[in-house]
Amino acid sequence: MSDQCHHRLLRSPDTFVVLPGAMPTDFRAAAGTPVKHLPGEIVMPATAMVDAALAGLDQGEFATVPSLPNLADWNAYEAAKQALMPNLSRAVRASTGESASWAHDGQSPIAHISR
């Protein structure tokens, strides 16, 4: 949704996006995973998150990922997303045995391509 707002409003400040990682907020417990159950190295203090977001806004960024140290990783993600887009919604299904499916390892989805 943020991408669409960004393209339609042509970099309006109204479309600035912060993509935070884990933060120590009350929401974590309400969502089912209290912050005390997360590894400390993945939890960013809210003040650091806000500082990073404000720095991104000051630099005129559209989106900020405060914990992402390498912009090349984001660019690779965007390139992969662009490559997928033409095939994510089609009038016909993929040929039998060629569609993507996901299996769960108990924690996170893992993409499997059936052939």
Protein backbone atom coordinates (compact mmCIF):
# COMPACT_ATOMS: atom_id res chain seq x y z
CA MET A 1 0.00 0.00 0.00
CA SER A 2 2.83 2.40 0.81
CA ASP A 3 4.34 1.84 -2.65
CA GLN A 4 1.06 2.77 -4.30
CA CYS A 5 0.66 5.93 -2.20
CA HIS A 6 4.23 6.88 -2.98
CA HIS A 7 3.75 6.52 -6.75
CA ARG A 8 0.38 8.27 -6.80
CA LEU A 9 1.39 11.19 -4.60
CA LEU A 10 4.89 11.52 -6.10
CA ARG A 11 7.01 11.57 -2.95
CA SER A 12 4.60 13.49 -0.79
CA PRO A 13 5.75 13.69 2.85
CA ASP A 14 2.45 11.99 3.66
CA THR A 15 3.87 8.71 2.37
CA PHE A 16 6.99 8.39 4.55
CA VAL A 17 7.22 4.82 5.83
CA VAL A 18 9.19 3.34 8.71
CA LEU A 19 9.69 -0.43 8.59
CA PRO A 20 10.75 -1.24 12.14
CA GLY A 21 12.06 -4.46 13.53
CA ALA A 22 11.23 -5.61 17.04
CA MET A 23 10.76 -2.83 19.58
CA PRO A 24 10.07 -3.05 23.32
CA THR A 25 6.43 -1.92 23.29
CA ASP A 26 3.25 -3.09 24.98
CA PHE A 27 2.02 -4.18 21.55
CA ARG A 28 4.50 -7.07 21.52
CA ALA A 29 2.80 -8.71 24.51
CA ALA A 30 -0.67 -8.01 23.10
CA ALA A 31 0.39 -9.63 19.82
CA GLY A 32 1.44 -12.76 21.69
CA THR A 33 5.22 -12.46 21.92
CA PRO A 34 6.42 -10.42 24.90
CA VAL A 35 9.70 -8.66 24.20
CA LYS A 36 11.37 -10.56 27.04
CA HIS A 37 11.05 -13.72 24.88
CA LEU A 38 13.01 -12.19 21.99
CA PRO A 39 16.80 -12.20 21.65
CA GLY A 40 18.14 -8.87 22.89
CA GLU A 41 20.22 -8.35 19.75
CA ILE A 42 17.07 -7.96 17.60
CA VAL A 43 15.23 -5.48 19.85
CA MET A 44 15.85 -1.79 19.07
CA PRO A 45 14.97 0.78 21.72
CA ALA A 46 12.11 3.06 20.67
CA THR A 47 14.30 6.16 20.97
CA ALA A 48 16.81 4.74 18.47
CA MET A 49 13.96 3.81 16.14
CA VAL A 50 12.52 7.33 16.29
CA ASP A 51 15.97 8.90 15.76
CA ALA A 52 16.55 6.74 12.68
CA ALA A 53 13.09 7.51 11.31
CA LEU A 54 13.56 11.26 11.76
CA ALA A 55 16.97 11.08 10.09
CA GLY A 56 15.41 9.29 7.11
CA LEU A 57 12.65 11.88 6.90
CA ASP A 58 15.20 14.71 7.05
CA GLN A 59 17.12 13.06 4.19
CA GLY A 60 13.97 12.96 2.04
CA GLU A 61 13.69 9.18 2.02
CA PHE A 62 10.42 7.49 1.11
CA ALA A 63 11.04 4.55 3.44
CA THR A 64 13.43 3.85 6.29
CA VAL A 65 14.44 0.48 7.70
CA PRO A 66 16.30 1.57 10.84
CA SER A 67 18.08 -1.73 11.44
CA LEU A 68 19.14 -2.43 7.83
CA PRO A 69 22.88 -1.67 7.55
CA ASN A 70 23.30 -2.31 3.83
CA LEU A 71 21.20 -0.51 1.21
CA ALA A 72 22.18 -3.20 -1.31
CA ASP A 73 20.01 -5.68 0.62
CA TRP A 74 16.97 -3.41 0.18
CA ASN A 75 17.76 -2.92 -3.50
CA ALA A 76 17.96 -6.71 -3.99
CA TYR A 77 14.56 -7.08 -2.27
CA GLU A 78 13.04 -4.41 -4.53
CA ALA A 79 14.52 -6.02 -7.66
CA ALA A 80 13.10 -9.42 -6.66
CA LYS A 81 9.70 -7.85 -5.98
CA GLN A 82 9.68 -6.17 -9.39
CA ALA A 83 10.61 -9.48 -11.07
CA LEU A 84 7.68 -11.24 -9.35
CA MET A 85 5.01 -8.60 -9.98
CA PRO A 86 4.03 -9.55 -13.55
CA ASN A 87 3.19 -13.09 -12.40
CA LEU A 88 1.52 -12.50 -9.05
CA SER A 89 -1.88 -11.90 -10.58
CA ARG A 90 -2.82 -13.58 -13.82
CA ALA A 91 -6.03 -14.68 -15.53
CA VAL A 92 -4.81 -18.28 -15.72
CA ARG A 93 -3.11 -20.49 -13.18
CA ALA A 94 0.44 -21.72 -13.59
CA SER A 95 0.91 -25.07 -15.29
CA THR A 96 0.41 -28.09 -13.02
CA GLY A 97 3.58 -28.78 -11.07
CA GLU A 98 5.10 -25.36 -11.74
CA SER A 99 3.30 -23.18 -9.18
CA ALA A 100 4.99 -21.85 -6.06
CA SER A 101 3.84 -23.17 -2.71
CA TRP A 102 4.96 -22.71 0.86
CA ALA A 103 5.74 -25.23 3.56
CA HIS A 104 6.17 -24.34 7.20
CA ASP A 105 9.10 -25.44 9.33
CA GLY A 106 7.21 -24.55 12.50
CA GLN A 107 8.58 -20.99 12.54
CA SER A 108 8.56 -19.30 9.15
CA PRO A 109 7.34 -20.02 5.64
CA ILE A 110 9.85 -21.52 3.23
CA ALA A 111 9.19 -21.14 -0.48
CA HIS A 112 9.28 -24.35 -2.50
CA ILE A 113 8.91 -24.46 -6.25
CA SER A 114 7.34 -27.71 -7.38
CA ARG A 115 8.49 -29.19 -10.66
